[in-house]
Protein backbone atom coordinates (compact mmCIF):
# COMPACT_ATOMS: atom_id res chain seq x y z
CA MET A 1 0.00 0.00 0.00
CA TYR A 2 1.08 3.60 -0.49
CA ARG A 3 3.44 5.04 2.13
CA TYR A 4 3.80 8.73 2.84
CA ASN A 5 6.92 10.54 1.69
CA ASP A 6 8.33 13.57 3.51
CA LEU A 7 6.05 15.93 1.59
CA ASP A 8 2.90 13.96 2.50
CA ALA A 9 3.89 13.83 6.16
CA THR A 10 4.70 17.54 6.30
CA ILE A 11 1.38 18.51 4.69
CA VAL A 12 -0.62 16.52 7.22
CA ARG A 13 1.41 17.65 10.26
CA GLU A 14 1.11 21.29 9.27
CA ARG A 15 -2.64 20.97 8.74
CA VAL A 16 -2.99 19.45 12.23
CA ALA A 17 -1.05 22.33 13.77
CA GLN A 18 -3.09 24.88 11.86
CA PHE A 19 -6.39 23.34 12.93
CA ARG A 20 -5.24 23.08 16.56
CA GLY A 21 -4.91 26.85 16.58
CA GLN A 22 -8.32 27.30 14.96
CA VAL A 23 -9.98 25.03 17.53
CA GLN A 24 -8.35 26.92 20.37
CA ARG A 25 -9.68 30.20 18.99
CA ARG A 26 -13.17 28.68 18.76
CA LEU A 27 -13.02 27.38 22.34
CA THR A 28 -11.99 30.79 23.68
CA GLY A 29 -14.74 32.53 21.72
CA GLU A 30 -12.37 34.36 19.42
CA LEU A 31 -14.12 32.62 16.50
CA SER A 32 -17.91 32.36 16.29
CA GLU A 33 -19.51 29.12 15.11
CA ASP A 34 -20.28 30.74 11.75
CA GLU A 35 -16.63 31.76 11.37
CA PHE A 36 -15.41 28.34 12.52
CA ARG A 37 -17.72 26.33 10.28
CA PRO A 38 -15.74 26.53 7.01
CA LEU A 39 -12.51 25.83 8.90
CA ARG A 40 -13.82 22.67 10.58
CA LEU A 41 -15.45 21.40 7.41
CA MET A 42 -12.08 21.59 5.63
CA ASN A 43 -10.92 19.14 8.30
CA GLY A 44 -13.84 16.71 8.03
CA LEU A 45 -15.55 17.92 11.20
CA TYR A 46 -19.34 18.26 11.07
CA LEU A 47 -21.78 19.51 13.69
CA GLN A 48 -24.59 16.97 13.87
CA LEU A 49 -27.77 16.83 15.93
CA HIS A 50 -26.15 15.95 19.26
CA ALA A 51 -22.40 16.33 18.84
CA TYR A 52 -19.57 16.85 16.40
CA MET A 53 -18.87 14.11 13.87
CA LEU A 54 -15.38 13.49 12.45
CA ARG A 55 -15.01 11.81 9.07
CA VAL A 56 -11.63 10.18 8.43
CA ALA A 57 -10.41 9.49 4.88
CA ILE A 58 -9.51 5.96 3.81
CA PRO A 59 -8.24 6.47 0.24
CA TYR A 60 -9.69 3.79 -2.08
CA GLY A 61 -10.67 1.87 1.09
CA LEU A 62 -7.21 0.44 1.87
CA LEU A 63 -6.02 0.17 5.50
CA SER A 64 -3.02 -1.38 7.22
CA SER A 65 -3.46 -3.30 10.44
CA ARG A 66 -1.51 -0.55 12.22
CA GLN A 67 -3.93 2.07 10.94
CA LEU A 68 -6.96 0.01 11.98
CA ARG A 69 -5.54 -0.34 15.49
CA THR A 70 -5.21 3.44 15.65
CA LEU A 71 -8.82 3.80 14.54
CA ALA A 72 -9.77 1.39 17.35
CA HIS A 73 -7.72 3.41 19.84
CA ILE A 74 -9.47 6.64 18.78
CA ALA A 75 -12.88 4.99 19.15
CA GLU A 76 -12.01 3.85 22.66
CA LYS A 77 -10.23 6.97 23.91
CA TYR A 78 -12.12 9.79 22.23
CA ASP A 79 -15.52 8.39 21.21
CA ARG A 80 -17.99 5.84 22.57
CA GLY A 81 -16.14 2.67 21.65
CA TYR A 82 -17.10 2.29 18.01
CA GLY A 83 -16.70 3.72 14.52
CA HIS A 84 -19.06 3.79 11.55
CA PHE A 85 -17.86 2.76 8.07
CA THR A 86 -19.55 4.72 5.30
CA THR A 87 -20.49 4.31 1.65
CA ARG A 88 -17.44 6.46 0.72
CA GLN A 89 -15.09 3.83 2.23
CA ASN A 90 -14.42 6.28 5.09
CA ILE A 91 -14.91 5.91 8.83
CA GLN A 92 -16.89 8.35 10.98
CA TYR A 93 -16.81 9.05 14.72
CA ASN A 94 -20.10 10.35 16.01
CA TRP A 95 -19.18 11.66 19.47
CA PRO A 96 -15.77 13.37 19.56
CA LYS A 97 -15.35 16.43 21.79
CA LEU A 98 -14.15 19.52 19.96
CA VAL A 99 -11.24 20.00 22.36
CA ASP A 100 -9.98 16.51 21.49
CA VAL A 101 -10.17 16.73 17.69
CA PRO A 102 -6.63 18.15 17.17
CA ASP A 103 -5.23 15.28 19.25
CA ILE A 104 -7.24 12.80 17.18
CA LEU A 105 -5.85 14.29 13.98
CA ALA A 106 -2.33 14.13 15.37
CA GLU A 107 -2.74 10.44 16.20
CA LEU A 108 -4.07 9.83 12.69
CA ALA A 109 -1.13 11.69 11.18
CA ALA A 110 1.27 9.40 13.05
CA VAL A 111 -0.08 6.44 11.02
CA GLU A 112 -0.38 8.29 7.69
CA MET A 113 -4.07 9.15 7.93
CA HIS A 114 -6.08 12.37 7.94
CA SER A 115 -9.51 13.89 7.47
CA ILE A 116 -8.54 16.36 4.74
CA GLN A 117 -11.12 16.82 1.96
CA THR A 118 -13.70 14.54 3.54
CA SER A 119 -16.00 17.56 3.46
CA GLY A 120 -16.36 20.82 1.59
CA ASN A 121 -16.74 21.78 -2.06
CA CYS A 122 -13.60 19.99 -3.18
CA ILE A 123 -12.54 16.62 -4.55
CA ARG A 124 -13.53 14.17 -1.80
CA ASN A 125 -11.99 10.85 -0.75
CA ILE A 126 -11.37 8.84 -3.93
CA SER A 127 -12.99 5.43 -3.93
CA ALA A 128 -12.26 2.22 -5.83
CA ASP A 129 -13.22 -1.42 -6.24
CA HIS A 130 -12.65 -3.10 -2.86
CA PHE A 131 -11.42 -6.22 -4.69
CA ALA A 132 -8.79 -4.26 -6.63
CA GLY A 133 -5.59 -6.18 -7.28
CA VAL A 134 -6.97 -9.61 -6.32
CA ILE A 135 -10.06 -10.31 -8.41
CA ALA A 136 -9.77 -12.52 -11.49
CA ASP A 137 -11.79 -10.29 -13.85
CA GLU A 138 -9.44 -7.34 -13.42
CA ILE A 139 -7.88 -5.70 -16.47
CA GLU A 140 -5.44 -3.68 -14.36
CA ASP A 141 -5.22 -2.69 -10.70
CA PRO A 142 -6.81 0.79 -10.51
CA ARG A 143 -5.34 1.74 -7.12
CA PRO A 144 -2.10 3.31 -8.46
CA TYR A 145 -4.24 5.64 -10.57
CA ALA A 146 -6.52 6.41 -7.66
CA GLU A 147 -3.42 7.27 -5.62
CA ILE A 148 -1.98 9.45 -8.38
CA THR A 149 -5.28 11.29 -8.57
CA ARG A 150 -5.38 11.64 -4.79
CA GLN A 151 -1.96 13.26 -4.74
CA TRP A 152 -2.87 15.60 -7.60
CA SER A 153 -6.18 16.64 -6.03
CA THR A 154 -5.00 17.20 -2.44
CA PHE A 155 -5.02 20.95 -1.76
CA HIS A 156 -5.32 21.62 -5.49
CA PRO A 157 -5.60 25.45 -5.47
CA GLU A 158 -7.91 25.62 -8.47
CA PHE A 159 -10.34 23.00 -7.19
CA SER A 160 -10.54 23.76 -3.46
CA TYR A 161 -13.71 25.86 -3.85
CA LEU A 162 -15.77 24.13 -6.50
CA PRO A 163 -19.47 24.86 -7.04
CA ARG A 164 -20.20 21.71 -4.98
CA LYS A 165 -18.57 18.58 -3.56
CA PHE A 166 -16.97 16.30 -6.14
CA LYS A 167 -16.54 12.51 -6.07
CA LEU A 168 -14.32 10.22 -8.16
CA ALA A 169 -14.31 6.42 -8.39
CA PHE A 170 -12.09 3.87 -10.15
CA SER A 171 -12.88 0.36 -11.35
CA GLY A 172 -10.26 -1.84 -12.98
CA ALA A 173 -12.36 -4.92 -13.67
CA THR A 174 -14.94 -6.08 -16.17
CA GLN A 175 -17.55 -5.99 -13.38
CA ASP A 176 -18.16 -2.64 -11.72
CA ARG A 177 -17.98 -2.88 -7.93
CA ALA A 178 -17.25 0.81 -7.36
CA ALA A 179 -20.56 2.34 -8.60
CA VAL A 180 -18.64 4.44 -11.15
CA ALA A 181 -21.89 5.37 -12.94
CA PHE A 182 -23.02 7.30 -9.87
CA HIS A 183 -19.98 9.53 -9.39
CA ASP A 184 -19.18 12.98 -10.68
CA ILE A 185 -16.40 11.31 -12.65
CA GLY A 186 -16.10 7.54 -12.95
CA PHE A 187 -13.08 5.78 -14.46
CA ARG A 188 -13.28 2.25 -15.85
CA THR A 189 -10.14 0.46 -17.03
CA VAL A 190 -10.57 -0.73 -20.62
CA LYS A 191 -8.48 -1.95 -23.54
CA ASN A 192 -8.62 -0.32 -26.95
CA ASP A 193 -8.45 -2.07 -30.30
CA ARG A 194 -4.66 -2.24 -30.07
CA GLY A 195 -4.77 -3.92 -26.68
CA GLU A 196 -3.56 -0.80 -24.85
CA VAL A 197 -4.95 -0.20 -21.36
CA GLY A 198 -6.58 3.13 -20.61
CA PHE A 199 -9.78 4.56 -19.13
CA ALA A 200 -13.36 4.92 -20.24
CA VAL A 201 -14.48 8.13 -18.54
CA TYR A 202 -18.02 8.72 -17.31
CA VAL A 203 -19.24 12.08 -16.10
CA GLY A 204 -22.31 13.51 -14.40
CA GLY A 205 -23.47 10.59 -12.30
CA GLY A 206 -24.84 11.02 -8.81
CA MET A 207 -27.69 10.44 -6.41
CA GLY A 208 -29.30 12.92 -4.04
CA ARG A 209 -32.21 15.15 -4.96
CA THR A 210 -31.73 14.61 -8.70
CA PRO A 211 -30.30 11.14 -9.33
CA MET A 212 -28.60 10.64 -12.68
CA ILE A 213 -26.56 7.90 -14.34
CA GLY A 214 -23.14 9.01 -15.55
CA LYS A 215 -22.63 9.47 -19.28
CA LEU A 216 -19.68 8.22 -21.28
CA VAL A 217 -17.77 11.38 -22.19
CA ARG A 218 -14.74 9.62 -23.71
CA GLU A 219 -14.38 5.98 -24.68
CA PHE A 220 -10.62 5.83 -24.21
CA VAL A 221 -8.13 8.04 -22.39
CA GLU A 222 -4.52 6.94 -22.35
CA LYS A 223 -3.08 6.32 -18.90
CA LYS A 224 -0.57 9.13 -19.40
CA HIS A 225 -3.48 11.53 -19.85
CA LEU A 226 -5.41 10.55 -16.74
CA LEU A 227 -4.68 13.88 -15.04
CA THR A 228 -4.70 16.10 -18.11
CA TYR A 229 -8.18 14.92 -19.12
CA THR A 230 -9.49 14.99 -15.58
CA GLU A 231 -8.22 18.54 -15.14
CA ALA A 232 -9.97 19.57 -18.35
CA ILE A 233 -13.28 18.24 -16.98
CA MET A 234 -12.71 19.97 -13.65
CA ARG A 235 -11.95 23.31 -15.30
CA VAL A 236 -15.12 23.19 -17.37
CA TYR A 237 -17.15 22.39 -14.26
CA ASN A 238 -15.41 25.05 -12.19
CA GLU A 239 -16.14 27.69 -14.83
CA PHE A 240 -19.67 26.76 -15.86
CA GLY A 241 -21.03 24.90 -12.81
CA ARG A 242 -23.84 26.82 -11.13
CA ARG A 243 -23.06 28.58 -7.88
CA ASP A 244 -26.37 30.43 -7.71
CA HIS A 245 -28.52 27.43 -6.72
CA LEU A 246 -27.50 24.76 -4.19
CA PHE A 247 -29.65 22.06 -5.77
CA LYS A 248 -28.34 22.76 -9.28
CA SER A 249 -24.65 23.03 -8.48
CA ARG A 250 -23.43 19.49 -9.15
CA ILE A 251 -21.74 18.56 -12.41
CA LYS A 252 -24.62 16.22 -13.27
CA ILE A 253 -26.87 19.27 -13.67
CA LEU A 254 -24.31 21.03 -15.87
CA VAL A 255 -23.99 17.99 -18.15
CA HIS A 256 -27.78 17.68 -18.29
CA GLU A 257 -28.38 21.37 -19.07
CA LEU A 258 -25.60 21.69 -21.64
CA GLY A 259 -26.16 18.28 -23.17
CA LEU A 260 -23.45 15.64 -23.42
CA GLU A 261 -22.18 16.74 -26.84
CA GLU A 262 -21.72 20.38 -25.84
CA PHE A 263 -20.14 19.39 -22.54
CA ARG A 264 -17.77 17.05 -24.40
CA ARG A 265 -16.87 19.86 -26.84
CA LEU A 266 -16.00 22.20 -23.96
CA VAL A 267 -13.86 19.51 -22.33
CA GLU A 268 -12.04 18.70 -25.57
CA ASP A 269 -11.36 22.40 -26.16
CA GLU A 270 -9.98 22.76 -22.64
CA TRP A 271 -7.99 19.55 -23.00
CA ALA A 272 -6.16 21.09 -25.93
CA TYR A 273 -4.50 23.41 -23.38
CA THR A 274 -3.72 20.76 -20.75
CA LYS A 275 -2.89 17.77 -22.97
CA ASP A 276 0.80 18.56 -23.31
CA SER A 277 1.27 20.07 -19.85
CA ALA A 278 3.45 18.92 -16.96
CA LEU A 279 0.51 16.77 -15.85
CA VAL A 280 1.27 14.16 -18.51
CA LEU A 281 2.17 10.99 -16.60
CA THR A 282 5.47 9.40 -17.53
CA ASP A 283 5.99 5.66 -17.49
CA ALA A 284 8.47 6.22 -14.66
CA GLU A 285 5.91 8.06 -12.51
CA ILE A 286 3.25 5.41 -13.07
CA ALA A 287 5.79 2.72 -12.20
CA ARG A 288 6.86 4.60 -9.06
CA VAL A 289 3.34 4.66 -7.66
CA ALA A 290 2.44 1.18 -8.93
CA ALA A 291 5.41 -0.19 -6.97
CA PHE A 292 3.45 0.46 -3.77
CA PHE A 293 0.78 -1.99 -4.97
CA THR A 294 2.84 -4.96 -6.12
CA PRO A 295 1.34 -8.41 -5.43
CA HIS A 296 2.08 -10.01 -2.08
CA PRO A 297 4.44 -13.01 -1.87
CA TYR A 298 1.76 -15.66 -2.41
CA GLU A 299 2.52 -19.30 -1.86
CA LYS A 300 2.20 -21.70 -4.74
CA ILE A 301 -0.79 -23.88 -3.83
CA THR A 302 -1.95 -26.49 -6.31
CA GLU A 303 -3.81 -29.12 -4.30
CA PRO A 304 -7.05 -28.70 -2.32
CA VAL A 305 -6.60 -28.97 1.45
CA ALA A 306 -8.35 -32.03 2.85
CA ALA A 307 -8.99 -30.46 6.26
CA PHE A 308 -10.73 -27.49 4.62
CA GLU A 309 -12.96 -29.72 2.51
CA GLN A 310 -13.82 -31.81 5.57
CA ALA A 311 -14.71 -28.73 7.65
CA LYS A 312 -16.94 -27.44 4.87
CA SER A 313 -18.76 -30.77 4.56
CA GLU A 314 -19.21 -31.24 8.32
CA ASN A 315 -20.02 -27.68 9.45
CA LYS A 316 -23.14 -26.19 7.87
CA ALA A 317 -22.54 -22.70 9.31
CA PHE A 318 -18.98 -22.58 7.96
CA ALA A 319 -20.13 -23.85 4.57
CA ALA A 320 -22.76 -21.10 4.39
CA TRP A 321 -20.22 -18.46 5.36
CA PHE A 322 -17.79 -19.77 2.74
CA ALA A 323 -20.47 -19.68 0.05
CA HIS A 324 -21.68 -16.14 0.82
CA ASN A 325 -18.77 -14.30 2.41
CA THR A 326 -15.80 -15.48 0.36
CA HIS A 327 -14.98 -14.83 -3.28
CA ALA A 328 -12.67 -16.30 -5.86
CA HIS A 329 -9.11 -14.94 -5.79
CA LYS A 330 -6.97 -14.62 -8.90
CA VAL A 331 -4.25 -16.70 -7.18
CA PRO A 332 -5.07 -20.42 -6.78
CA GLY A 333 -5.41 -21.52 -3.17
CA TYR A 334 -6.47 -18.09 -1.86
CA ARG A 335 -9.88 -16.52 -1.21
CA ILE A 336 -11.18 -12.98 -0.72
CA VAL A 337 -13.08 -12.74 2.58
CA SER A 338 -15.86 -10.22 3.18
CA ILE A 339 -16.43 -9.45 6.86
CA SER A 340 -20.06 -8.53 7.36
CA LEU A 341 -20.73 -5.49 9.54
CA LYS A 342 -24.44 -6.31 9.37
CA LYS A 343 -24.95 -8.56 12.40
CA THR A 344 -28.54 -8.35 13.59
CA GLY A 345 -29.01 -5.95 16.47
CA ILE A 346 -26.13 -3.72 15.30
CA ALA A 347 -26.36 -0.57 13.16
CA PRO A 348 -25.11 -1.35 9.63
CA GLY A 349 -21.48 -0.33 9.24
CA ASP A 350 -20.77 -0.01 12.98
CA VAL A 351 -17.76 -1.82 14.47
CA THR A 352 -16.43 -1.66 18.02
CA ASP A 353 -12.89 -0.85 19.08
CA ALA A 354 -12.44 -4.46 20.27
CA GLN A 355 -13.64 -5.78 16.91
CA MET A 356 -11.31 -3.44 15.02
CA ARG A 357 -8.35 -4.69 17.04
CA ALA A 358 -9.40 -8.28 16.43
CA ILE A 359 -9.68 -7.67 12.68
CA ALA A 360 -6.24 -6.04 12.66
CA ASP A 361 -4.80 -9.12 14.38
CA LEU A 362 -6.52 -11.41 11.89
CA ALA A 363 -5.22 -9.33 8.99
CA ASP A 364 -1.68 -9.77 10.31
CA ALA A 365 -2.16 -13.48 10.79
CA TYR A 366 -4.00 -14.31 7.59
CA SER A 367 -3.97 -11.46 5.04
CA PHE A 368 -0.58 -9.69 4.82
CA GLY A 369 -1.66 -7.04 7.34
CA GLU A 370 -4.16 -5.30 5.04
CA ILE A 371 -7.87 -4.55 5.31
CA ARG A 372 -10.24 -2.95 2.80
CA ALA A 373 -13.38 -0.93 3.50
CA THR A 374 -16.19 -1.37 0.97
CA HIS A 375 -18.78 1.11 -0.23
CA GLU A 376 -21.38 -1.37 1.02
CA GLN A 377 -20.23 -0.76 4.62
CA ASN A 378 -18.35 -4.02 5.15
CA LEU A 379 -14.67 -4.91 5.49
CA VAL A 380 -12.50 -7.26 3.42
CA LEU A 381 -9.47 -9.46 4.06
CA ALA A 382 -8.36 -9.85 0.49
CA ASP A 383 -5.61 -12.49 0.60
CA VAL A 384 -6.52 -15.45 2.81
CA ARG A 385 -5.18 -18.95 2.15
CA GLN A 386 -8.05 -21.33 1.65
CA SER A 387 -6.46 -23.64 4.21
CA ASP A 388 -6.82 -20.87 6.85
CA LEU A 389 -10.48 -20.12 6.22
CA PHE A 390 -11.92 -22.43 8.88
CA GLU A 391 -9.70 -21.04 11.64
CA LEU A 392 -10.39 -17.49 10.46
CA TRP A 393 -14.14 -18.14 10.46
CA LYS A 394 -14.04 -19.44 14.04
CA LYS A 395 -12.15 -16.38 15.22
CA LEU A 396 -14.49 -14.02 13.40
CA ASP A 397 -17.46 -15.86 14.90
CA GLY A 398 -16.03 -15.31 18.35
CA GLN A 399 -16.07 -11.56 17.68
CA GLY A 400 -19.61 -11.47 16.28
CA LEU A 401 -18.23 -10.88 12.78
CA ALA A 402 -19.18 -14.09 10.97
CA SER A 403 -22.71 -13.25 9.83
CA ALA A 404 -23.05 -15.19 6.58
CA ASN A 405 -25.23 -12.59 4.90
CA ILE A 406 -23.13 -10.79 2.27
CA GLY A 407 -25.31 -10.00 -0.74
CA THR A 408 -28.54 -10.96 1.04
CA LEU A 409 -31.47 -8.89 2.24
CA GLN A 410 -29.69 -8.41 5.59
CA ASP A 411 -26.67 -6.78 3.93
CA ILE A 412 -28.44 -3.43 4.11
CA ILE A 413 -26.73 -0.13 3.32
CA CYS A 414 -27.96 2.50 5.73
CA CYS A 415 -27.06 6.12 6.51
CA PRO A 416 -27.02 7.48 10.12
CA GLY A 417 -30.41 9.15 9.61
CA LEU A 418 -32.23 11.20 12.20
CA ASP A 419 -30.45 9.50 15.08
CA TYR A 420 -27.40 11.63 14.23
CA CYS A 421 -27.77 13.74 11.11
CA SER A 422 -29.14 17.28 11.20
CA LEU A 423 -30.24 17.00 7.55
CA ALA A 424 -32.32 13.84 7.97
CA ASN A 425 -36.12 13.72 7.84
CA ALA A 426 -36.53 10.30 9.43
CA ARG A 427 -34.70 7.60 11.33
CA SER A 428 -33.02 4.95 9.24
CA ILE A 429 -30.83 2.88 11.59
CA PRO A 430 -33.70 1.52 13.74
CA ILE A 431 -35.72 0.62 10.63
CA ALA A 432 -32.79 -1.17 9.01
CA MET A 433 -32.20 -3.10 12.23
CA GLU A 434 -35.89 -4.04 12.48
CA ILE A 435 -35.87 -5.30 8.88
CA ALA A 436 -32.75 -7.38 9.49
CA GLU A 437 -34.22 -8.85 12.69
CA HIS A 438 -37.56 -9.64 11.08
CA PHE A 439 -36.00 -11.53 8.17
CA ASP A 440 -33.38 -13.29 10.29
CA ARG A 441 -33.85 -16.72 8.72
CA LEU A 442 -30.84 -17.74 6.69
CA ASP A 443 -32.59 -20.40 4.64
CA TYR A 444 -35.17 -17.82 3.60
CA LEU A 445 -32.50 -15.22 2.84
CA TYR A 446 -30.55 -17.65 0.70
CA ASP A 447 -33.70 -18.71 -1.13
CA LEU A 448 -34.40 -15.05 -1.98
CA GLY A 449 -30.94 -14.79 -3.52
CA GLU A 450 -29.12 -11.55 -4.27
CA LEU A 451 -31.17 -8.67 -2.93
CA LYS A 452 -29.82 -5.20 -2.21
CA ILE A 453 -31.82 -3.04 0.19
CA LYS A 454 -30.48 0.49 0.60
CA MET A 455 -31.92 3.07 2.97
CA SER A 456 -31.55 6.83 3.40
CA GLY A 457 -32.96 9.15 6.03
CA CYS A 458 -33.33 12.03 3.57
CA ILE A 459 -33.19 12.90 -0.11
CA ASN A 460 -29.42 13.48 0.02
CA ALA A 461 -29.19 9.68 -0.44
CA CYS A 462 -26.16 8.89 1.73
CA GLY A 463 -27.66 5.40 2.01
CA HIS A 464 -27.83 5.07 -1.81
CA HIS A 465 -31.55 4.27 -1.79
CA HIS A 466 -31.86 5.30 -5.45
CA VAL A 467 -29.79 2.28 -6.54
CA GLY A 468 -31.20 -0.35 -4.22
CA HIS A 469 -33.07 -3.26 -5.75
CA ILE A 470 -35.40 -2.12 -3.01
CA GLY A 471 -34.77 1.45 -1.88
CA ILE A 472 -36.23 3.00 1.25
CA LEU A 473 -36.32 6.77 1.75
CA GLY A 474 -37.32 8.42 5.01
CA VAL A 475 -39.66 11.40 4.53
CA ASP A 476 -41.38 13.83 6.87
CA LYS A 477 -45.17 14.18 6.72
CA LYS A 478 -46.39 16.91 9.03
CA GLY A 479 -43.88 15.97 11.70
CA GLU A 480 -44.31 12.19 11.33
CA GLU A 481 -41.76 9.82 9.85
CA PHE A 482 -42.82 7.87 6.77
CA TYR A 483 -40.92 5.65 4.35
CA GLN A 484 -41.11 5.69 0.57
CA ILE A 485 -40.24 2.55 -1.41
CA THR A 486 -38.44 2.50 -4.75
CA LEU A 487 -37.84 -0.58 -6.89
CA GLY A 488 -35.40 -1.53 -9.61
CA GLY A 489 -32.25 0.41 -8.83
CA SER A 490 -28.74 -0.91 -9.43
CA ALA A 491 -25.24 0.53 -8.96
CA SER A 492 -23.51 -2.17 -11.00
CA ASP A 493 -22.99 -2.64 -14.75
CA ASP A 494 -26.75 -2.62 -15.26
CA ALA A 495 -26.95 0.83 -13.64
CA ALA A 496 -30.49 1.97 -12.97
CA ILE A 497 -32.38 4.41 -10.77
CA GLY A 498 -35.23 2.94 -8.77
CA GLN A 499 -38.81 4.07 -9.34
CA ILE A 500 -41.16 5.19 -6.57
CA ILE A 501 -44.01 2.71 -6.35
CA GLY A 502 -46.59 4.85 -4.53
CA PRO A 503 -47.48 6.58 -1.26
CA ALA A 504 -45.06 6.29 1.66
CA PHE A 505 -45.58 3.83 4.52
CA SER A 506 -45.60 4.45 8.23
CA ARG A 507 -42.85 2.85 10.29
CA ASP A 508 -45.19 0.06 11.41
CA ALA A 509 -46.26 -0.63 7.82
CA ILE A 510 -42.85 -0.86 6.15
CA ILE A 511 -42.06 -4.47 7.10
CA PRO A 512 -45.52 -5.78 6.06
CA ALA A 513 -45.02 -3.96 2.75
CA LEU A 514 -41.68 -5.72 2.27
CA GLU A 515 -43.31 -9.05 3.15
CA ARG A 516 -45.86 -8.53 0.36
CA LEU A 517 -43.17 -7.46 -2.11
CA LEU A 518 -41.04 -10.50 -1.40
CA GLY A 519 -44.03 -12.81 -1.33
CA TYR A 520 -45.01 -11.69 -4.81
CA TYR A 521 -41.43 -12.15 -6.03
CA VAL A 522 -41.21 -15.71 -4.67
CA THR A 523 -44.47 -16.74 -6.33
CA THR A 524 -43.68 -15.00 -9.63
CA ARG A 525 -39.98 -15.65 -10.25
CA GLU A 526 -38.74 -18.11 -12.82
CA GLU A 527 -35.95 -20.55 -12.09
CA GLY A 528 -32.67 -18.81 -11.42
CA GLU A 529 -34.12 -15.30 -11.42
CA ARG A 530 -32.93 -12.71 -8.93
CA PHE A 531 -35.39 -10.22 -7.49
CA LEU A 532 -34.13 -7.61 -9.95
CA ASP A 533 -34.53 -10.01 -12.90
CA THR A 534 -38.13 -10.78 -12.03
CA LEU A 535 -38.92 -7.12 -11.49
CA ARG A 536 -37.52 -6.21 -14.91
CA ARG A 537 -39.36 -9.05 -16.60
CA VAL A 538 -42.83 -8.37 -15.21
CA GLY A 539 -42.52 -4.64 -14.50
CA ILE A 540 -43.21 -2.59 -11.40
CA LYS A 541 -46.99 -2.39 -11.81
CA PRO A 542 -47.88 -5.89 -10.50
CA PHE A 543 -45.50 -5.45 -7.55
CA LYS A 544 -47.18 -2.15 -6.72
CA GLU A 545 -50.67 -3.63 -7.02
CA HIS A 546 -49.71 -6.46 -4.69
CA VAL A 547 -48.16 -4.15 -2.09
CA TYR A 548 -51.10 -1.75 -1.95
CA ALA A 549 -53.88 -4.32 -2.44
CA ASN A 550 -54.96 -4.27 1.21
CA ASN A 551 -54.33 -0.57 1.89
């Protein structure tokens, strides 16, 4: 993984010192809250309903065991004993005291972490496929390019005050696991007709109040022009993006209002000025950064391990976990392990300090000391020998981290909602937990197959409800919390925005509505069909009629 150089370390240390002074001035009253607000937001510090919230960057979701132990230490010492992993592959602390935040940032800096650009109208934490570098369908590992872009974008003077926040995502595989179609700019690694590797670039995707699917602005950008082309897009957005209307300030609105062809023309014209600039990436620079992401020293394993096969045949719970929480690795004899943070009774994405320490220990023992955070609010140990899986599973089970529910209805994405967020209209965490508890029957979950439920407490869509196979949006109706259902969304290669099926449901009515939806699916599906397949075959209308039949 990438290691800081002297410049990186100096930047972060100086930012910590600067913010320490700003916090002190706020505590003494020298700065008002209005004056302090833009300063704290530049350091990832939000003021939520009950307390400050600190968002820590995890670039492209990659963590070392040392860094995870520091995150655990911060949760224990400065918060309430847990952290919350988000859909941006970041971690949030919901209860830090303002006086402690500079010390938290200093401890993060000591392990090459920070909270810079996790808020504000700038380029946010850059995300990527959480299986990058280890999945068999990969064309090329996208993490070196995500890191190059991170370095370029950090404190970029031209793009520190954009019309609105800006999000980038990278996918290097034939299957999109990074939701690139729903980012301001999405990069997909592709090969051209000559077999050269470059990027297909998508622009103008996003969720929130006006969800849109990103549009292909250029079919192929050479790797050396990753930054020159990206800068051209950013300059067009910075010049023409609307600053007069908060809800029309994202690049998706600019692309929509100009039209793709006119937007592309503006970018190409701007690119003519940047194409031969100092931003052109040399082979040596790409190789320098790629050297931080070289493959681990894998063992050569050719024969199946008898003890593993025996454990799988004799232990039903382990076999289920293996089937749902592990994934094929590009190296024979290894598996990718997804650690579910969706145990029933726990808020989705939450993990305690003790669990973080345990995961760090397991990463050292079984996965070269690395952990990945996913945009679906889970964690990954990407390089586990198949022969170690049974022992790993037992240790995860002892920590409450072996829920065999990845990809099932229980694997719910959920934002903090009205329990924490000052923007929310309704609670989301308690509803997600109630849904998971109600459908806590593994045989039933497995029979339903792949089913993505995503839930947001407001239209800002931090829970990605627009792209859930079933999306749930909390809304306010005259001071009461209601929940709107959408169907048919997807953040993968078959990108789609879910459609609202009808009037919102009360909190007590949402689970019965889901029961009717799923009941109709089970009786209507054809062999091998996922929920999304059945929905697309028969259409939303019969699902809607079934859900509202008794209302």
